[in-house]
C-alpha atoms as a PDB file:
ATOM      1  CA  UNK A   1      -0.147  -0.008   0.373  1.00  0.00           C
ATOM      2  CA  UNK A   2       1.313   3.216  -1.498  1.00  0.00           C
ATOM      3  CA  UNK A   3       0.143   6.270   0.260  1.00  0.00           C
ATOM      4  CA  UNK A   4       0.740   9.623   0.155  1.00  0.00           C
ATOM      5  CA  UNK A   5       2.256  11.665   3.325  1.00  0.00           C
ATOM      6  CA  UNK A   6      -0.312  13.618   5.830  1.00  0.00           C
ATOM      7  CA  UNK A   7       0.965  17.692   4.988  1.00  0.00           C
ATOM      8  CA  UNK A   8       0.189  18.870   8.575  1.00  0.00           C
ATOM      9  CA  UNK A   9      -0.538  22.871   8.797  1.00  0.00           C
ATOM     10  CA  UNK A  10      -0.565  21.930  12.904  1.00  0.00           C
ATOM     11  CA  UNK A  11      -3.346  21.509  12.508  1.00  0.00           C
ATOM     12  CA  UNK A  12      -4.785  18.586  16.034  1.00  0.00           C
ATOM     13  CA  UNK A  13      -5.876  15.869  14.389  1.00  0.00           C
ATOM     14  CA  UNK A  14      -7.794  13.769  17.046  1.00  0.00           C
ATOM     15  CA  UNK A  15      -9.329  10.135  16.463  1.00  0.00           C
ATOM     16  CA  UNK A  16     -12.291   9.239  18.441  1.00  0.00           C
ATOM     17  CA  UNK A  17     -12.829   5.132  18.127  1.00  0.00           C
ATOM     18  CA  UNK A  18     -16.211   3.559  19.091  1.00  0.00           C
ATOM     19  CA  UNK A  19     -17.436  -0.327  20.781  1.00  0.00           C
ATOM     20  CA  UNK A  20     -18.199  -2.487  19.108  1.00  0.00           C
ATOM     21  CA  UNK A  21     -16.822  -6.118  21.146  1.00  0.00           C
ATOM     22  CA  UNK A  22     -15.270  -7.800  18.156  1.00  0.00           C
ATOM     23  CA  UNK A  23     -15.714  -5.219  15.080  1.00  0.00           C
ATOM     24  CA  UNK A  24     -14.103  -2.878  17.051  1.00  0.00           C
ATOM     25  CA  UNK A  25     -11.409  -4.959  15.251  1.00  0.00           C
ATOM     26  CA  UNK A  26     -11.449  -2.946  12.358  1.00  0.00           C
ATOM     27  CA  UNK A  27      -9.751  -0.463  14.087  1.00  0.00           C
ATOM     28  CA  UNK A  28      -7.121  -2.008  13.830  1.00  0.00           C
ATOM     29  CA  UNK A  29      -6.955  -1.774  10.547  1.00  0.00           C
ATOM     30  CA  UNK A  30      -7.541   1.751  10.148  1.00  0.00           C
ATOM     31  CA  UNK A  31      -5.028   2.578  11.637  1.00  0.00           C
ATOM     32  CA  UNK A  32      -2.456   0.857   9.885  1.00  0.00           C
ATOM     33  CA  UNK A  33      -4.017   2.975   6.679  1.00  0.00           C
ATOM     34  CA  UNK A  34      -3.617   6.116   9.125  1.00  0.00           C
ATOM     35  CA  UNK A  35       0.463   5.118   9.977  1.00  0.00           C
ATOM     36  CA  UNK A  36       1.276   4.124   6.534  1.00  0.00           C
ATOM     37  CA  UNK A  37      -0.276   7.732   5.646  1.00  0.00           C
ATOM     38  CA  UNK A  38       1.957   9.497   8.330  1.00  0.00           C
ATOM     39  CA  UNK A  39      -1.578  11.261   9.605  1.00  0.00           C
ATOM     40  CA  UNK A  40      -0.598  13.351  12.965  1.00  0.00           C
ATOM     41  CA  UNK A  41      -2.567  11.424  15.502  1.00  0.00           C
ATOM     42  CA  UNK A  42      -1.932  14.226  18.219  1.00  0.00           C
ATOM     43  CA  UNK A  43      -4.927  12.923  20.631  1.00  0.00           C
ATOM     44  CA  UNK A  44      -6.798   9.396  21.410  1.00  0.00           C
ATOM     45  CA  UNK A  45     -10.163   9.240  23.178  1.00  0.00           C
ATOM     46  CA  UNK A  46     -12.505   5.392  22.736  1.00  0.00           C
ATOM     47  CA  UNK A  47     -14.655   3.223  24.093  1.00  0.00           C
ATOM     48  CA  UNK A  48     -14.796   0.020  24.428  1.00  0.00           C
ATOM     49  CA  UNK A  49     -12.493  -1.634  22.355  1.00  0.00           C
ATOM     50  CA  UNK A  50     -12.236   1.182  21.168  1.00  0.00           C
ATOM     51  CA  UNK A  51     -10.640   2.612  24.228  1.00  0.00           C
ATOM     52  CA  UNK A  52      -7.811  -1.074  24.156  1.00  0.00           C
ATOM     53  CA  UNK A  53      -7.045   0.202  20.953  1.00  0.00           C
ATOM     54  CA  UNK A  54      -7.112   3.032  20.999  1.00  0.00           C
ATOM     55  CA  UNK A  55      -4.783   2.708  24.269  1.00  0.00           C
ATOM     56  CA  UNK A  56      -2.150   0.003  22.875  1.00  0.00           C
ATOM     57  CA  UNK A  57      -1.536   2.506  20.092  1.00  0.00           C
ATOM     58  CA  UNK A  58      -1.329   5.433  22.249  1.00  0.00           C
ATOM     59  CA  UNK A  59       1.020   3.615  24.976  1.00  0.00           C
ATOM     60  CA  UNK A  60       3.963   2.988  21.055  1.00  0.00           C
ATOM     61  CA  UNK A  61       1.724  -0.439  19.766  1.00  0.00           C
ATOM     62  CA  UNK A  62       2.569  -0.161  16.223  1.00  0.00           C
ATOM     63  CA  UNK A  63      -1.340  -1.770  14.743  1.00  0.00           C
ATOM     64  CA  UNK A  64       1.282  -4.340  12.623  1.00  0.00           C
ATOM     65  CA  UNK A  65       1.538  -6.002  16.075  1.00  0.00           C
ATOM     66  CA  UNK A  66      -2.126  -5.829  17.443  1.00  0.00           C
ATOM     67  CA  UNK A  67      -2.939  -7.786  14.494  1.00  0.00           C
ATOM     68  CA  UNK A  68      -0.957  -9.942  15.279  1.00  0.00           C
ATOM     69  CA  UNK A  69      -1.893 -10.925  18.782  1.00  0.00           C
ATOM     70  CA  UNK A  70      -5.203 -11.144  17.166  1.00  0.00           C
ATOM     71  CA  UNK A  71      -4.950 -13.211  14.072  1.00  0.00           C
ATOM     72  CA  UNK A  72      -1.824 -15.106  14.750  1.00  0.00           C
ATOM     73  CA  UNK A  73      -2.224 -15.342  19.071  1.00  0.00           C
ATOM     74  CA  UNK A  74      -5.667 -15.260  18.907  1.00  0.00           C
ATOM     75  CA  UNK A  75      -6.869 -18.421  20.664  1.00  0.00           C
ATOM     76  CA  UNK A  76      -3.904 -18.281  23.426  1.00  0.00           C
ATOM     77  CA  UNK A  77      -5.480 -14.362  23.875  1.00  0.00           C
ATOM     78  CA  UNK A  78      -9.066 -15.352  24.129  1.00  0.00           C
ATOM     79  CA  UNK A  79      -7.940 -18.029  26.591  1.00  0.00           C
ATOM     80  CA  UNK A  80      -6.626 -15.405  28.757  1.00  0.00           C
ATOM     81  CA  UNK A  81      -9.138 -13.626  28.808  1.00  0.00           C
ATOM     82  CA  UNK A  82     -12.158 -15.033  28.294  1.00  0.00           C
ATOM     83  CA  UNK A  83     -12.218 -18.482  31.445  1.00  0.00           C
ATOM     84  CA  UNK A  84     -15.671 -18.664  33.116  1.00  0.00           C
ATOM     85  CA  UNK A  85     -14.956 -17.816  36.804  1.00  0.00           C
ATOM     86  CA  UNK A  86     -18.927 -16.691  36.854  1.00  0.00           C
ATOM     87  CA  UNK A  87     -17.983 -13.112  38.944  1.00  0.00           C
ATOM     88  CA  UNK A  88     -21.365 -11.766  40.633  1.00  0.00           C
ATOM     89  CA  UNK A  89     -22.148  -9.224  38.195  1.00  0.00           C
ATOM     90  CA  UNK A  90     -20.672 -10.863  35.066  1.00  0.00           C
ATOM     91  CA  UNK A  91     -19.650 -14.633  33.408  1.00  0.00           C
ATOM     92  CA  UNK A  92     -15.723 -13.803  33.470  1.00  0.00           C
ATOM     93  CA  UNK A  93     -14.012 -12.046  35.281  1.00  0.00           C
ATOM     94  CA  UNK A  94     -12.508  -9.089  33.407  1.00  0.00           C
ATOM     95  CA  UNK A  95      -9.570  -9.012  35.501  1.00  0.00           C
ATOM     96  CA  UNK A  96      -7.685 -10.995  33.169  1.00  0.00           C
ATOM     97  CA  UNK A  97      -8.052  -7.815  30.313  1.00  0.00           C
ATOM     98  CA  UNK A  98      -5.501  -6.389  32.558  1.00  0.00           C
ATOM     99  CA  UNK A  99      -3.068  -8.860  33.426  1.00  0.00           C
ATOM    100  CA  UNK A 100      -3.089  -9.571  29.472  1.00  0.00           C
ATOM    101  CA  UNK A 101      -2.565  -6.129  28.752  1.00  0.00           C
ATOM    102  CA  UNK A 102      -0.274  -5.388  31.470  1.00  0.00           C
ATOM    103  CA  UNK A 103       1.941  -8.408  29.522  1.00  0.00           C
ATOM    104  CA  UNK A 104       1.794  -6.292  26.286  1.00  0.00           C
ATOM    105  CA  UNK A 105       2.194  -2.432  27.393  1.00  0.00           C
ATOM    106  CA  UNK A 106       3.824  -2.962  30.999  1.00  0.00           C
ATOM    107  CA  UNK A 107       2.347  -0.471  34.223  1.00  0.00           C
ATOM    108  CA  UNK A 108       1.908   3.066  32.378  1.00  0.00           C
ATOM    109  CA  UNK A 109      -0.274   5.285  33.434  1.00  0.00           C
ATOM    110  CA  UNK A 110      -2.377   7.343  31.639  1.00  0.00           C
ATOM    111  CA  UNK A 111      -0.725  10.517  32.076  1.00  0.00           C
ATOM    112  CA  UNK A 112       2.543   9.351  30.402  1.00  0.00           C
ATOM    113  CA  UNK A 113       1.390   8.754  27.480  1.00  0.00           C
ATOM    114  CA  UNK A 114       3.148  10.497  24.499  1.00  0.00           C
ATOM    115  CA  UNK A 115      -0.459  10.741  23.105  1.00  0.00           C
ATOM    116  CA  UNK A 116      -3.146  12.575  25.011  1.00  0.00           C
ATOM    117  CA  UNK A 117      -5.833  10.050  25.564  1.00  0.00           C
ATOM    118  CA  UNK A 118      -9.250   9.357  27.078  1.00  0.00           C
ATOM    119  CA  UNK A 119     -10.989   6.215  27.692  1.00  0.00           C
ATOM    120  CA  UNK A 120     -14.824   6.355  28.085  1.00  0.00           C
ATOM    121  CA  UNK A 121     -17.211   4.091  30.620  1.00  0.00           C
ATOM    122  CA  UNK A 122     -20.066   5.193  32.638  1.00  0.00           C
ATOM    123  CA  UNK A 123     -20.894   5.327  36.315  1.00  0.00           C
ATOM    124  CA  UNK A 124     -23.112   2.017  37.265  1.00  0.00           C
ATOM    125  CA  UNK A 125     -25.438   4.114  39.502  1.00  0.00           C
ATOM    126  CA  UNK A 126     -26.300   6.768  38.179  1.00  0.00           C
ATOM    127  CA  UNK A 127     -25.582   6.488  34.434  1.00  0.00           C
ATOM    128  CA  UNK A 128     -22.915   9.344  34.079  1.00  0.00           C
ATOM    129  CA  UNK A 129     -20.213   9.308  31.347  1.00  0.00           C
ATOM    130  CA  UNK A 130     -16.633   9.113  33.524  1.00  0.00           C
ATOM    131  CA  UNK A 131     -13.698  10.278  31.506  1.00  0.00           C
ATOM    132  CA  UNK A 132     -10.354   8.728  32.916  1.00  0.00           C
ATOM    133  CA  UNK A 133      -7.781  10.559  31.932  1.00  0.00           C
ATOM    134  CA  UNK A 134      -5.498   9.806  34.544  1.00  0.00           C
ATOM    135  CA  UNK A 135      -3.769   6.353  36.374  1.00  0.00           C
ATOM    136  CA  UNK A 136      -3.140   2.714  35.087  1.00  0.00           C
ATOM    137  CA  UNK A 137      -3.490   2.739  31.647  1.00  0.00           C
ATOM    138  CA  UNK A 138      -4.786  -0.641  31.558  1.00  0.00           C
ATOM    139  CA  UNK A 139      -7.099   0.034  34.722  1.00  0.00           C
ATOM    140  CA  UNK A 140      -8.670   2.796  32.329  1.00  0.00           C
ATOM    141  CA  UNK A 141      -9.264   0.110  29.501  1.00  0.00           C
ATOM    142  CA  UNK A 142     -10.984  -2.445  32.145  1.00  0.00           C
ATOM    143  CA  UNK A 143     -13.419   0.004  33.421  1.00  0.00           C
ATOM    144  CA  UNK A 144     -14.472   1.202  29.967  1.00  0.00           C
ATOM    145  CA  UNK A 145     -14.837  -2.463  28.319  1.00  0.00           C
ATOM    146  CA  UNK A 146     -16.358  -4.002  30.338  1.00  0.00           C
ATOM    147  CA  UNK A 147     -19.659  -5.094  29.410  1.00  0.00           C
ATOM    148  CA  UNK A 148     -22.742  -4.829  31.693  1.00  0.00           C
ATOM    149  CA  UNK A 149     -23.715  -9.039  32.218  1.00  0.00           C
ATOM    150  CA  UNK A 150     -20.424 -10.372  30.333  1.00  0.00           C
ATOM    151  CA  UNK A 151     -17.259  -8.813  32.721  1.00  0.00           C
ATOM    152  CA  UNK A 152     -17.697  -7.863  36.363  1.00  0.00           C
ATOM    153  CA  UNK A 153     -17.534  -4.158  37.041  1.00  0.00           C
ATOM    154  CA  UNK A 154     -15.130  -2.164  37.526  1.00  0.00           C
ATOM    155  CA  UNK A 155     -14.320  -0.715  41.642  1.00  0.00           C
ATOM    156  CA  UNK A 156     -12.858   3.074  40.976  1.00  0.00           C
ATOM    157  CA  UNK A 157     -12.979   5.600  44.059  1.00  0.00           C
ATOM    158  CA  UNK A 158     -16.149   4.435  45.364  1.00  0.00           C
ATOM    159  CA  UNK A 159     -17.503   4.234  42.396  1.00  0.00           C
ATOM    160  CA  UNK A 160     -18.591   1.504  39.971  1.00  0.00           C
ATOM    161  CA  UNK A 161     -17.767   1.318  36.273  1.00  0.00           C
ATOM    162  CA  UNK A 162     -18.521  -0.538  33.393  1.00  0.00           C
ATOM    163  CA  UNK A 163     -18.665  -0.141  29.305  1.00  0.00           C
ATOM    164  CA  UNK A 164     -18.203   3.537  28.093  1.00  0.00           C
ATOM    165  CA  UNK A 165     -20.609   2.651  25.161  1.00  0.00           C
ATOM    166  CA  UNK A 166     -24.133   2.773  27.358  1.00  0.00           C
ATOM    167  CA  UNK A 167     -23.080   6.971  28.127  1.00  0.00           C
ATOM    168  CA  UNK A 168     -20.637   7.665  24.888  1.00  0.00           C
ATOM    169  CA  UNK A 169     -20.111   5.041  22.555  1.00  0.00           C
ATOM    170  CA  UNK A 170     -17.943   6.973  19.639  1.00  0.00           C
ATOM    171  CA  UNK A 171     -16.778  10.112  21.906  1.00  0.00           C
ATOM    172  CA  UNK A 172     -15.650  12.705  19.274  1.00  0.00           C
ATOM    173  CA  UNK A 173     -16.789  15.124  21.973  1.00  0.00           C
ATOM    174  CA  UNK A 174     -14.095  14.234  24.373  1.00  0.00           C
ATOM    175  CA  UNK A 175     -11.347  14.184  21.664  1.00  0.00           C
ATOM    176  CA  UNK A 176     -12.597  18.626  20.328  1.00  0.00           C
ATOM    177  CA  UNK A 177     -11.754  19.018  24.862  1.00  0.00           C
ATOM    178  CA  UNK A 178      -8.920  17.222  24.891  1.00  0.00           C
ATOM    179  CA  UNK A 179      -7.861  19.929  22.230  1.00  0.00           C
ATOM    180  CA  UNK A 180      -8.325  18.488  18.258  1.00  0.00           C
ATOM    181  CA  UNK A 181      -9.095  20.670  15.926  1.00  0.00           C
ATOM    182  CA  UNK A 182     -10.020  17.762  13.683  1.00  0.00           C
ATOM    183  CA  UNK A 183     -11.919  14.652  14.542  1.00  0.00           C
ATOM    184  CA  UNK A 184     -11.105  10.985  12.827  1.00  0.00           C
ATOM    185  CA  UNK A 185     -13.909   9.283  14.450  1.00  0.00           C
ATOM    186  CA  UNK A 186     -14.700   5.815  14.164  1.00  0.00           C
ATOM    187  CA  UNK A 187     -17.746   3.524  14.029  1.00  0.00           C
ATOM    188  CA  UNK A 188     -18.453  -0.446  14.085  1.00  0.00           C
ATOM    189  CA  UNK A 189     -21.734  -0.111  15.806  1.00  0.00           C
ATOM    190  CA  UNK A 190     -24.086  -0.321  11.762  1.00  0.00           C
ATOM    191  CA  UNK A 191     -27.164   1.131  14.557  1.00  0.00           C
ATOM    192  CA  UNK A 192     -25.221   4.416  15.264  1.00  0.00           C
ATOM    193  CA  UNK A 193     -26.195   7.574  14.171  1.00  0.00           C
ATOM    194  CA  UNK A 194     -23.309  10.103  13.932  1.00  0.00           C
ATOM    195  CA  UNK A 195     -25.034  12.814  11.243  1.00  0.00           C
ATOM    196  CA  UNK A 196     -26.245  15.147  14.203  1.00  0.00           C
ATOM    197  CA  UNK A 197     -29.565  15.350  12.316  1.00  0.00           C
ATOM    198  CA  UNK A 198     -31.560  12.804  14.428  1.00  0.00           C
ATOM    199  CA  UNK A 199     -31.662  11.328  17.231  1.00  0.00           C
ATOM    200  CA  UNK A 200     -31.872   7.625  17.172  1.00  0.00           C
ATOM    201  CA  UNK A 201     -34.007   6.770  19.629  1.00  0.00           C
ATOM    202  CA  UNK A 202     -36.034   3.380  20.045  1.00  0.00           C
ATOM    203  CA  UNK A 203     -37.683   2.315  22.846  1.00  0.00           C
ATOM    204  CA  UNK A 204     -35.557  -0.616  25.766  1.00  0.00           C
ATOM    205  CA  UNK A 205     -38.181  -3.152  24.287  1.00  0.00           C
ATOM    206  CA  UNK A 206     -37.661  -2.179  21.295  1.00  0.00           C
ATOM    207  CA  UNK A 207     -33.413  -1.965  21.857  1.00  0.00           C
ATOM    208  CA  UNK A 208     -33.640  -5.064  23.186  1.00  0.00           C
ATOM    209  CA  UNK A 209     -35.594  -6.579  20.137  1.00  0.00           C
ATOM    210  CA  UNK A 210     -32.705  -5.106  17.757  1.00  0.00           C
ATOM    211  CA  UNK A 211     -30.299  -6.843  19.636  1.00  0.00           C
ATOM    212  CA  UNK A 212     -31.480  -9.831  19.076  1.00  0.00           C
ATOM    213  CA  UNK A 213     -32.077  -9.935  15.657  1.00  0.00           C
ATOM    214  CA  UNK A 214     -28.315  -8.143  14.585  1.00  0.00           C
ATOM    215  CA  UNK A 215     -26.748  -9.775  16.713  1.00  0.00           C
ATOM    216  CA  UNK A 216     -27.373 -12.946  19.382  1.00  0.00           C
ATOM    217  CA  UNK A 217     -29.178 -13.189  22.149  1.00  0.00           C
ATOM    218  CA  UNK A 218     -26.485 -12.928  25.039  1.00  0.00           C
ATOM    219  CA  UNK A 219     -26.667 -16.184  25.940  1.00  0.00           C
ATOM    220  CA  UNK A 220     -25.851 -17.719  22.566  1.00  0.00           C
ATOM    221  CA  UNK A 221     -23.266 -14.781  22.502  1.00  0.00           C
ATOM    222  CA  UNK A 222     -21.737 -16.049  25.675  1.00  0.00           C
ATOM    223  CA  UNK A 223     -21.870 -19.549  24.606  1.00  0.00           C
ATOM    224  CA  UNK A 224     -20.804 -19.458  20.824  1.00  0.00           C
ATOM    225  CA  UNK A 225     -17.531 -17.406  22.055  1.00  0.00           C
ATOM    226  CA  UNK A 226     -16.140 -20.006  24.482  1.00  0.00           C
ATOM    227  CA  UNK A 227     -17.549 -22.587  21.646  1.00  0.00           C
ATOM    228  CA  UNK A 228     -14.526 -20.731  20.282  1.00  0.00           C
ATOM    229  CA  UNK A 229     -12.236 -21.396  23.014  1.00  0.00           C
ATOM    230  CA  UNK A 230     -12.912 -24.738  24.240  1.00  0.00           C
ATOM    231  CA  UNK A 231     -11.624 -27.991  22.483  1.00  0.00           C
ATOM    232  CA  UNK A 232     -12.639 -29.667  24.785  1.00  0.00           C
ATOM    233  CA  UNK A 233     -16.190 -28.911  25.719  1.00  0.00           C
ATOM    234  CA  UNK A 234     -15.815 -28.879  29.291  1.00  0.00           C
ATOM    235  CA  UNK A 235     -15.896 -25.731  29.853  1.00  0.00           C
ATOM    236  CA  UNK A 236     -19.225 -25.507  27.683  1.00  0.00           C
ATOM    237  CA  UNK A 237     -21.102 -27.955  29.450  1.00  0.00           C
ATOM    238  CA  UNK A 238     -20.512 -25.984  32.441  1.00  0.00           C
ATOM    239  CA  UNK A 239     -21.179 -22.200  31.241  1.00  0.00           C
ATOM    240  CA  UNK A 240     -25.012 -23.699  29.699  1.00  0.00           C
ATOM    241  CA  UNK A 241     -25.978 -25.315  33.297  1.00  0.00           C
ATOM    242  CA  UNK A 242     -24.679 -21.670  34.655  1.00  0.00           C
ATOM    243  CA  UNK A 243     -26.318 -19.726  31.741  1.00  0.00           C
ATOM    244  CA  UNK A 244     -29.604 -18.663  34.061  1.00  0.00           C
ATOM    245  CA  UNK A 245     -28.577 -15.821  36.019  1.00  0.00           C
ATOM    246  CA  UNK A 246     -27.006 -15.503  38.808  1.00  0.00           C
ATOM    247  CA  UNK A 247     -27.387 -13.963  42.193  1.00  0.00           C
ATOM    248  CA  UNK A 248     -25.544 -13.711  44.569  1.00  0.00           C
ATOM    249  CA  UNK A 249     -23.590 -11.241  45.888  1.00  0.00           C
ATOM    250  CA  UNK A 250     -20.064  -9.916  44.735  1.00  0.00           C
ATOM    251  CA  UNK A 251     -18.850  -8.219  48.358  1.00  0.00           C
ATOM    252  CA  UNK A 252     -18.425  -4.878  47.236  1.00  0.00           C
ATOM    253  CA  UNK A 253     -20.732  -4.762  44.448  1.00  0.00           C
ATOM    254  CA  UNK A 254     -24.422  -6.352  44.744  1.00  0.00           C
ATOM    255  CA  UNK A 255     -25.590  -6.786  41.167  1.00  0.00           C
ATOM    256  CA  UNK A 256     -26.685  -9.434  39.541  1.00  0.00           C
ATOM    257  CA  UNK A 257     -26.672 -10.031  35.639  1.00  0.00           C
ATOM    258  CA  UNK A 258     -30.458  -9.588  35.034  1.00  0.00           C
ATOM    259  CA  UNK A 259     -30.016  -6.405  36.865  1.00  0.00           C
ATOM    260  CA  UNK A 260     -26.585  -5.588  34.602  1.00  0.00           C
ATOM    261  CA  UNK A 261     -28.512  -6.251  31.535  1.00  0.00           C
ATOM    262  CA  UNK A 262     -31.399  -3.888  32.798  1.00  0.00           C
ATOM    263  CA  UNK A 263     -29.801  -1.110  34.248  1.00  0.00           C
ATOM    264  CA  UNK A 264     -27.450  -1.389  30.218  1.00  0.00           C
ATOM    265  CA  UNK A 265     -30.710  -1.762  28.698  1.00  0.00           C
ATOM    266  CA  UNK A 266     -32.139   1.705  30.405  1.00  0.00           C
ATOM    267  CA  UNK A 267     -28.998   3.392  30.744  1.00  0.00           C
ATOM    268  CA  UNK A 268     -28.677   3.148  26.635  1.00  0.00           C
ATOM    269  CA  UNK A 269     -31.949   4.333  26.532  1.00  0.00           C
ATOM    270  CA  UNK A 270     -31.243   7.324  28.541  1.00  0.00           C
ATOM    271  CA  UNK A 271     -28.445   8.755  26.527  1.00  0.00           C
ATOM    272  CA  UNK A 272     -30.043   8.079  23.058  1.00  0.00           C
ATOM    273  CA  UNK A 273     -30.147  11.357  21.998  1.00  0.00           C
ATOM    274  CA  UNK A 274     -26.059  12.785  23.236  1.00  0.00           C
ATOM    275  CA  UNK A 275     -25.175  12.548  18.695  1.00  0.00           C
ATOM    276  CA  UNK A 276     -27.253  15.226  18.229  1.00  0.00           C
ATOM    277  CA  UNK A 277     -24.785  18.005  19.953  1.00  0.00           C
ATOM    278  CA  UNK A 278     -23.184  19.519  17.291  1.00  0.00           C
ATOM    279  CA  UNK A 279     -19.319  18.614  19.240  1.00  0.00           C
ATOM    280  CA  UNK A 280     -20.136  15.312  19.123  1.00  0.00           C
ATOM    281  CA  UNK A 281     -20.333  15.405  14.886  1.00  0.00           C
ATOM    282  CA  UNK A 282     -17.136  14.574  13.438  1.00  0.00           C
ATOM    283  CA  UNK A 283     -14.838  15.761  10.639  1.00  0.00           C
ATOM    284  CA  UNK A 284     -14.631  12.848   9.032  1.00  0.00           C
ATOM    285  CA  UNK A 285     -16.733   9.911   9.827  1.00  0.00           C
ATOM    286  CA  UNK A 286     -15.567   6.226   8.924  1.00  0.00           C
ATOM    287  CA  UNK A 287     -18.186   3.916   8.788  1.00  0.00           C
ATOM    288  CA  UNK A 288     -16.377   0.622   8.067  1.00  0.00           C
ATOM    289  CA  UNK A 289     -19.370  -2.028   7.049  1.00  0.00           C
ATOM    290  CA  UNK A 290     -19.966  -4.488  10.286  1.00  0.00           C
ATOM    291  CA  UNK A 291     -23.650  -5.321  10.038  1.00  0.00           C
ATOM    292  CA  UNK A 292     -22.829  -9.227   8.565  1.00  0.00           C
ATOM    293  CA  UNK A 293     -20.267  -9.534  11.960  1.00  0.00           C
ATOM    294  CA  UNK A 294     -21.585 -10.984  15.121  1.00  0.00           C
ATOM    295  CA  UNK A 295     -20.220  -9.086  18.728  1.00  0.00           C
ATOM    296  CA  UNK A 296     -18.014 -11.807  19.543  1.00  0.00           C
ATOM    297  CA  UNK A 297     -17.041 -12.792  15.595  1.00  0.00           C
ATOM    298  CA  UNK A 298     -13.376 -12.309  17.353  1.00  0.00           C
ATOM    299  CA  UNK A 299     -12.781 -15.543  15.221  1.00  0.00           C
ATOM    300  CA  UNK A 300     -13.000 -13.629  11.898  1.00  0.00           C
ATOM    301  CA  UNK A 301     -10.035 -10.865  12.882  1.00  0.00           C
ATOM    302  CA  UNK A 302      -8.769 -11.183   8.953  1.00  0.00           C
ATOM    303  CA  UNK A 303     -11.844  -9.915   7.746  1.00  0.00           C
ATOM    304  CA  UNK A 304     -13.065  -7.317  10.303  1.00  0.00           C
ATOM    305  CA  UNK A 305      -9.245  -5.809  10.046  1.00  0.00           C
ATOM    306  CA  UNK A 306      -8.872  -5.681   5.869  1.00  0.00           C
ATOM    307  CA  UNK A 307     -12.910  -4.009   6.603  1.00  0.00           C
ATOM    308  CA  UNK A 308     -11.102  -1.609   8.118  1.00  0.00           C
ATOM    309  CA  UNK A 309      -8.138  -0.593   6.387  1.00  0.00           C
ATOM    310  CA  UNK A 310     -10.675  -0.914   3.296  1.00  0.00           C
ATOM    311  CA  UNK A 311     -13.410   2.144   4.657  1.00  0.00           C
ATOM    312  CA  UNK A 312      -9.978   4.047   5.953  1.00  0.00           C
ATOM    313  CA  UNK A 313      -8.552   3.812   2.138  1.00  0.00           C
ATOM    314  CA  UNK A 314     -11.576   5.080   0.715  1.00  0.00           C
ATOM    315  CA  UNK A 315     -12.003   7.669   3.013  1.00  0.00           C
ATOM    316  CA  UNK A 316      -7.612   8.785   2.804  1.00  0.00           C
ATOM    317  CA  UNK A 317      -8.268  12.159   0.245  1.00  0.00           C
ATOM    318  CA  UNK A 318     -11.062  13.795   2.943  1.00  0.00           C
ATOM    319  CA  UNK A 319      -8.356  12.332   5.908  1.00  0.00           C
ATOM    320  CA  UNK A 320      -6.058  14.475   3.882  1.00  0.00           C
ATOM    321  CA  UNK A 321      -8.134  17.826   3.343  1.00  0.00           C
ATOM    322  CA  UNK A 322      -7.816  17.776   6.865  1.00  0.00           C
ATOM    323  CA  UNK A 323      -4.652  19.366   6.622  1.00  0.00           C
END
């Protein structure tokens, strides 16, 4: 791939990477193109998978290394993260994400990154957006990626933090708050409207029906993921038995899985009009075509990365015009 280098005129370019679980692997393809085009990314914000990919990039991890991790070492990575431990607020103990990330980037704080960075999480108690700008990078990514019902929420300063997708799926406005003059946004969620022209409002019931139609029901998502990493079938059998909501309480966090999922949909509905705000509309919007992929399609990393790359290449002229 041969690209003309980006010619900057002292314009601070920000990159806002959205949520999307496995669909977010398309971010790696986008980053591949931006790096080769020498686009000077001066600010990075991310939500959920976007926080993870963006955080790795801000920490100096090259997109090619990320691609290697999610393709060549995919089973090794997934087997470390998605081992059922049946915690109280989700099926998996998300602390394994922290351990995996620390093995890649080490113990680095957000304020020490070369590129200004913010991860978006959600205060589970009141549904407010939480912008994480300091402290351990791996902890911020862990909080931003804690999908309710799947990963246990995070305790931080007496707050319960979970997936930032509930309040700010693609944090364009936060990019601007961090000083970006122009923002490139990557939205891998085919249902999210970032045009700013109309609110993407649906009732909670409609959200649930749409999610089941577009992706998979929660239990099927879980089982399909476990089957990807479980060759013996033993873990799958255990998960099947435990698929009903767990009612036990965590010593510090009293949230059951049904509570987690129900509250998540409530917060999503309350926040559904956020993207009518002009500050949330990006200067360049990249929307990789991920509609045919499920949230847990981690085994299709190669395809998703290629889709992200092709999307960025198709828009590279518009990106260069920002200079």
